[in-house]
N, C-alpha and C. Protein backbone atom coordinates (compact mmCIF):
# COMPACT_ATOMS: atom_id res chain seq x y z
N MET A 1 115.01 73.74 105.55
CA MET A 1 114.71 74.91 104.75
C MET A 1 113.88 75.92 105.58
N TYR A 2 112.96 75.42 106.38
CA TYR A 2 112.12 76.30 107.19
C TYR A 2 112.97 77.13 108.15
N ASP A 3 114.00 76.51 108.75
CA ASP A 3 114.86 77.23 109.68
C ASP A 3 115.63 78.36 108.98
N SER A 4 116.08 78.13 107.77
CA SER A 4 116.82 79.17 107.05
C SER A 4 115.90 80.32 106.67
N MET A 5 114.64 80.01 106.33
CA MET A 5 113.68 81.08 106.01
C MET A 5 113.35 81.89 107.27
N LYS A 6 113.22 81.21 108.37
CA LYS A 6 112.92 81.87 109.64
C LYS A 6 114.05 82.81 110.03
N LYS A 7 115.28 82.33 109.88
CA LYS A 7 116.46 83.15 110.20
C LYS A 7 116.56 84.34 109.25
N SER A 8 116.30 84.11 107.97
CA SER A 8 116.34 85.17 106.98
C SER A 8 115.31 86.26 107.27
N SER A 9 114.12 85.86 107.69
CA SER A 9 113.09 86.86 107.98
C SER A 9 113.46 87.68 109.21
N LYS A 10 114.13 87.08 110.19
CA LYS A 10 114.58 87.83 111.37
C LYS A 10 115.61 88.87 110.97
N VAL A 11 116.54 88.48 110.11
CA VAL A 11 117.57 89.42 109.66
C VAL A 11 116.92 90.56 108.88
N THR A 12 115.99 90.23 107.99
CA THR A 12 115.31 91.25 107.20
C THR A 12 114.56 92.22 108.10
N LEU A 13 113.85 91.69 109.07
CA LEU A 13 113.09 92.53 109.98
C LEU A 13 114.01 93.44 110.79
N THR A 14 115.14 92.92 111.23
CA THR A 14 116.11 93.72 111.97
C THR A 14 116.65 94.84 111.12
N VAL A 15 116.97 94.56 109.88
CA VAL A 15 117.50 95.59 108.96
C VAL A 15 116.44 96.65 108.70
N VAL A 16 115.21 96.24 108.45
CA VAL A 16 114.13 97.19 108.20
C VAL A 16 113.92 98.09 109.42
N ALA A 17 113.94 97.51 110.60
CA ALA A 17 113.77 98.30 111.83
C ALA A 17 114.91 99.30 112.00
N ALA A 18 116.13 98.88 111.74
CA ALA A 18 117.29 99.77 111.87
C ALA A 18 117.20 100.93 110.88
N VAL A 19 116.81 100.64 109.65
CA VAL A 19 116.67 101.69 108.64
C VAL A 19 115.57 102.66 109.05
N GLY A 20 114.48 102.14 109.57
CA GLY A 20 113.38 103.00 110.01
C GLY A 20 113.80 103.92 111.14
N LEU A 21 114.54 103.41 112.10
CA LEU A 21 115.02 104.24 113.21
C LEU A 21 115.99 105.30 112.71
N ALA A 22 116.85 104.94 111.78
CA ALA A 22 117.80 105.92 111.24
C ALA A 22 117.06 107.03 110.51
N ALA A 23 116.02 106.68 109.78
CA ALA A 23 115.24 107.70 109.06
C ALA A 23 114.55 108.63 110.03
N CYS A 24 114.07 108.11 111.16
CA CYS A 24 113.41 108.95 112.16
C CYS A 24 114.38 109.98 112.72
N GLY A 25 115.62 109.59 112.90
CA GLY A 25 116.62 110.50 113.44
C GLY A 25 116.95 111.64 112.50
N ARG A 26 116.66 111.46 111.21
CA ARG A 26 116.98 112.50 110.24
C ARG A 26 115.79 113.38 109.92
N GLN A 27 114.67 113.10 110.51
CA GLN A 27 113.46 113.86 110.22
C GLN A 27 113.66 115.32 110.62
N ARG A 28 113.36 116.21 109.69
CA ARG A 28 113.49 117.64 109.97
C ARG A 28 112.31 118.10 110.82
N MET A 29 112.59 119.07 111.66
CA MET A 29 111.55 119.65 112.48
C MET A 29 111.46 121.13 112.18
N ASP A 30 110.34 121.55 111.64
CA ASP A 30 110.11 122.95 111.29
C ASP A 30 110.05 123.76 112.58
N PRO A 31 110.88 124.80 112.70
CA PRO A 31 110.90 125.57 113.95
C PRO A 31 109.63 126.38 114.20
N CYS A 32 108.75 126.48 113.22
CA CYS A 32 107.51 127.24 113.39
C CYS A 32 106.30 126.34 113.64
N GLN A 33 106.47 125.03 113.62
CA GLN A 33 105.38 124.12 113.93
C GLN A 33 105.12 124.14 115.43
N GLN A 34 103.88 123.96 115.80
CA GLN A 34 103.48 124.06 117.21
C GLN A 34 104.27 123.11 118.11
N ALA A 35 104.40 121.86 117.74
CA ALA A 35 105.01 120.86 118.60
C ALA A 35 106.54 120.95 118.65
N THR A 36 107.15 121.65 117.71
CA THR A 36 108.61 121.76 117.67
C THR A 36 109.06 123.23 117.65
N PHE A 37 108.21 124.11 118.12
CA PHE A 37 108.45 125.55 118.03
C PHE A 37 109.77 125.96 118.69
N ASP A 38 110.52 126.80 117.99
CA ASP A 38 111.76 127.38 118.49
C ASP A 38 111.71 128.86 118.13
N GLN A 39 111.60 129.71 119.13
CA GLN A 39 111.35 131.13 118.90
C GLN A 39 112.37 131.77 117.96
N GLN A 40 113.64 131.69 118.28
CA GLN A 40 114.66 132.36 117.47
C GLN A 40 114.74 131.77 116.07
N ALA A 41 114.72 130.44 116.00
CA ALA A 41 114.81 129.79 114.69
C ALA A 41 113.59 130.10 113.83
N CYS A 42 112.41 130.20 114.45
CA CYS A 42 111.20 130.52 113.69
C CYS A 42 111.27 131.96 113.16
N GLU A 43 111.68 132.87 114.01
CA GLU A 43 111.82 134.27 113.56
C GLU A 43 112.77 134.34 112.37
N ASP A 44 113.91 133.67 112.49
CA ASP A 44 114.90 133.66 111.41
C ASP A 44 114.34 133.01 110.15
N ALA A 45 113.58 131.91 110.32
CA ALA A 45 113.03 131.19 109.18
C ALA A 45 112.01 132.02 108.42
N VAL A 46 111.14 132.70 109.15
CA VAL A 46 110.12 133.53 108.50
C VAL A 46 110.79 134.68 107.76
N ARG A 47 111.78 135.30 108.39
CA ARG A 47 112.49 136.42 107.79
C ARG A 47 113.35 135.97 106.60
N GLY A 48 113.98 134.79 106.72
CA GLY A 48 114.94 134.36 105.70
C GLY A 48 114.41 133.39 104.67
N GLY A 49 113.17 132.96 104.77
CA GLY A 49 112.62 132.06 103.77
C GLY A 49 113.09 130.62 103.91
N GLY A 50 113.38 130.21 105.12
CA GLY A 50 113.80 128.83 105.35
C GLY A 50 114.63 128.75 106.62
N TYR A 51 115.16 127.58 106.87
CA TYR A 51 115.95 127.38 108.08
C TYR A 51 117.02 126.33 107.84
N TYR A 52 118.01 126.32 108.71
CA TYR A 52 119.03 125.27 108.67
C TYR A 52 118.58 124.14 109.58
N TRP A 53 118.76 122.92 109.11
CA TRP A 53 118.49 121.74 109.93
C TRP A 53 119.73 120.87 109.89
N ASN A 54 120.41 120.78 111.01
CA ASN A 54 121.65 120.00 111.13
C ASN A 54 122.64 120.36 110.02
N GLY A 55 122.77 121.65 109.75
CA GLY A 55 123.76 122.13 108.80
C GLY A 55 123.31 122.22 107.36
N SER A 56 122.11 121.78 107.04
CA SER A 56 121.60 121.84 105.67
C SER A 56 120.48 122.87 105.58
N TRP A 57 120.50 123.65 104.51
CA TRP A 57 119.48 124.67 104.30
C TRP A 57 118.18 124.02 103.82
N VAL A 58 117.08 124.38 104.44
CA VAL A 58 115.75 123.90 104.07
C VAL A 58 114.92 125.11 103.66
N PRO A 59 114.74 125.32 102.35
CA PRO A 59 113.92 126.46 101.92
C PRO A 59 112.45 126.24 102.30
N MET A 60 111.83 127.28 102.79
CA MET A 60 110.44 127.17 103.24
C MET A 60 109.75 128.50 103.02
N THR A 61 108.53 128.45 102.53
CA THR A 61 107.73 129.65 102.37
C THR A 61 106.74 129.72 103.52
N TYR A 62 106.82 130.78 104.29
CA TYR A 62 105.89 131.00 105.39
C TYR A 62 104.89 132.05 104.92
N HIS A 63 103.63 131.74 105.01
CA HIS A 63 102.58 132.61 104.46
C HIS A 63 102.12 133.69 105.42
N TYR A 64 102.57 133.62 106.66
CA TYR A 64 102.14 134.59 107.66
C TYR A 64 103.36 135.19 108.36
N PRO A 65 103.19 136.35 108.98
CA PRO A 65 104.31 136.94 109.76
C PRO A 65 104.56 136.14 111.03
N TYR A 66 105.73 136.30 111.60
CA TYR A 66 106.15 135.54 112.78
C TYR A 66 105.11 135.51 113.90
N PRO A 67 104.47 136.63 114.27
CA PRO A 67 103.51 136.57 115.40
C PRO A 67 102.40 135.52 115.23
N TYR A 68 102.03 135.23 114.01
CA TYR A 68 101.01 134.21 113.77
C TYR A 68 101.49 132.85 114.30
N TYR A 69 102.73 132.49 114.01
CA TYR A 69 103.27 131.19 114.42
C TYR A 69 103.48 131.14 115.94
N TYR A 70 103.90 132.26 116.50
CA TYR A 70 104.08 132.33 117.96
C TYR A 70 102.73 132.17 118.66
N ASP A 71 101.72 132.90 118.20
CA ASP A 71 100.39 132.80 118.80
C ASP A 71 99.81 131.39 118.65
N SER A 72 100.04 130.77 117.51
CA SER A 72 99.58 129.41 117.29
C SER A 72 100.24 128.45 118.27
N TYR A 73 101.53 128.62 118.48
CA TYR A 73 102.27 127.80 119.44
C TYR A 73 101.72 128.00 120.86
N ARG A 74 101.52 129.25 121.26
CA ARG A 74 101.02 129.53 122.61
C ARG A 74 99.63 128.92 122.82
N SER A 75 98.77 128.99 121.83
CA SER A 75 97.43 128.38 121.93
C SER A 75 97.54 126.86 122.06
N TYR A 76 98.44 126.29 121.30
CA TYR A 76 98.67 124.85 121.34
C TYR A 76 99.11 124.40 122.73
N VAL A 77 100.07 125.12 123.31
CA VAL A 77 100.59 124.78 124.64
C VAL A 77 99.51 124.99 125.71
N SER A 78 98.81 126.10 125.63
CA SER A 78 97.78 126.36 126.65
C SER A 78 96.63 125.35 126.57
N GLY A 79 96.46 124.74 125.43
CA GLY A 79 95.44 123.70 125.28
C GLY A 79 95.95 122.31 125.64
N GLY A 80 97.17 122.25 126.17
CA GLY A 80 97.72 120.96 126.61
C GLY A 80 98.55 120.23 125.58
N GLY A 81 98.88 120.90 124.46
CA GLY A 81 99.68 120.26 123.42
C GLY A 81 101.09 119.93 123.89
N ALA A 82 101.60 118.80 123.46
CA ALA A 82 102.94 118.37 123.83
C ALA A 82 103.98 119.02 122.92
N VAL A 83 105.04 119.53 123.54
CA VAL A 83 106.13 120.17 122.80
C VAL A 83 107.33 119.23 122.81
N HIS A 84 107.93 119.04 121.65
CA HIS A 84 109.08 118.16 121.50
C HIS A 84 110.29 119.01 121.13
N PRO A 85 111.13 119.36 122.11
CA PRO A 85 112.28 120.22 121.81
C PRO A 85 113.26 119.53 120.85
N THR A 86 113.90 120.33 120.04
CA THR A 86 114.87 119.80 119.10
C THR A 86 116.24 119.70 119.76
N PRO A 87 117.12 118.88 119.20
CA PRO A 87 118.46 118.77 119.77
C PRO A 87 119.19 120.11 119.70
N SER A 88 120.02 120.38 120.67
CA SER A 88 120.78 121.62 120.71
C SER A 88 121.61 121.78 119.44
N GLY A 89 121.53 122.94 118.83
CA GLY A 89 122.31 123.23 117.63
C GLY A 89 121.70 122.73 116.34
N ALA A 90 120.54 122.10 116.39
CA ALA A 90 119.93 121.55 115.17
C ALA A 90 119.62 122.62 114.14
N TYR A 91 119.28 123.85 114.59
CA TYR A 91 118.92 124.92 113.66
C TYR A 91 120.09 125.84 113.33
N ALA A 92 121.27 125.53 113.80
CA ALA A 92 122.44 126.39 113.54
C ALA A 92 122.93 126.20 112.11
N SER A 93 123.35 127.29 111.50
CA SER A 93 123.92 127.19 110.17
C SER A 93 125.36 126.68 110.28
N PRO A 94 125.88 126.10 109.21
CA PRO A 94 127.25 125.57 109.26
C PRO A 94 128.24 126.68 109.58
N GLY A 95 129.17 126.38 110.43
CA GLY A 95 130.21 127.35 110.77
C GLY A 95 129.82 128.34 111.84
N VAL A 96 128.59 128.30 112.32
CA VAL A 96 128.15 129.21 113.36
C VAL A 96 128.22 128.50 114.70
N VAL A 97 128.93 129.12 115.63
CA VAL A 97 129.04 128.56 116.96
C VAL A 97 128.21 129.43 117.88
N ARG A 98 127.24 128.85 118.54
CA ARG A 98 126.41 129.61 119.46
C ARG A 98 126.86 129.31 120.88
N GLY A 99 127.00 130.38 121.66
CA GLY A 99 127.41 130.19 123.04
C GLY A 99 128.91 130.09 123.15
N GLY A 100 129.41 130.15 124.36
CA GLY A 100 130.85 130.07 124.57
C GLY A 100 131.54 131.35 124.14
N PHE A 101 132.82 131.42 124.37
CA PHE A 101 133.54 132.63 124.02
C PHE A 101 134.57 132.39 122.95
N GLY A 102 135.30 131.32 122.99
CA GLY A 102 136.22 130.94 121.93
C GLY A 102 136.84 132.08 121.17
N ALA A 103 137.22 131.84 119.92
CA ALA A 103 137.89 132.84 119.09
C ALA A 103 136.95 133.95 118.69
N ILE A 104 135.65 133.66 118.55
CA ILE A 104 134.69 134.67 118.14
C ILE A 104 134.58 135.79 119.17
N GLY A 105 134.63 135.40 120.45
CA GLY A 105 134.48 136.38 121.51
C GLY A 105 135.78 137.05 121.92
N ALA A 106 136.90 136.59 121.38
CA ALA A 106 138.19 137.17 121.78
C ALA A 106 138.24 138.65 121.42
N GLY A 107 138.69 139.44 122.36
CA GLY A 107 138.85 140.87 122.10
C GLY A 107 137.55 141.65 122.19
N HIS A 108 136.50 141.04 122.66
CA HIS A 108 135.23 141.75 122.78
C HIS A 108 134.81 141.96 124.23
N GLY A 109 135.78 142.08 125.08
CA GLY A 109 135.48 142.28 126.50
C GLY A 109 135.02 143.69 126.76
N ALA A 110 134.61 143.95 127.98
CA ALA A 110 134.14 145.29 128.36
C ALA A 110 135.25 146.32 128.18
N GLY A 111 134.92 147.42 127.61
CA GLY A 111 135.87 148.51 127.45
C GLY A 111 136.82 148.36 126.29
N GLU A 112 136.70 147.35 125.51
CA GLU A 112 137.62 147.17 124.38
C GLU A 112 136.99 147.66 123.11
């Protein structure tokens, strides 16, 4: 019986650890926070009342204008604060392709 309990606790611990890691991967990162600051996304978030995180809209009320968050970020960095960049495209809204030329850029060459 002791061996089956020991095995069961290992399985439970493994499942709990896997669920915890999965939850960490889904954690939203506010683009205006010092450690996860993203200039363009923060400007858009302050102006638009929220931001997209991996395709989902996150409503957010920002109590100060954009320069406040930028200055806060700069002070944080100059004081040795660690910055954790977000994955590429994390702040993009659904259906928006950033970069590249694809169909969006077709017909927009010089002189056209």
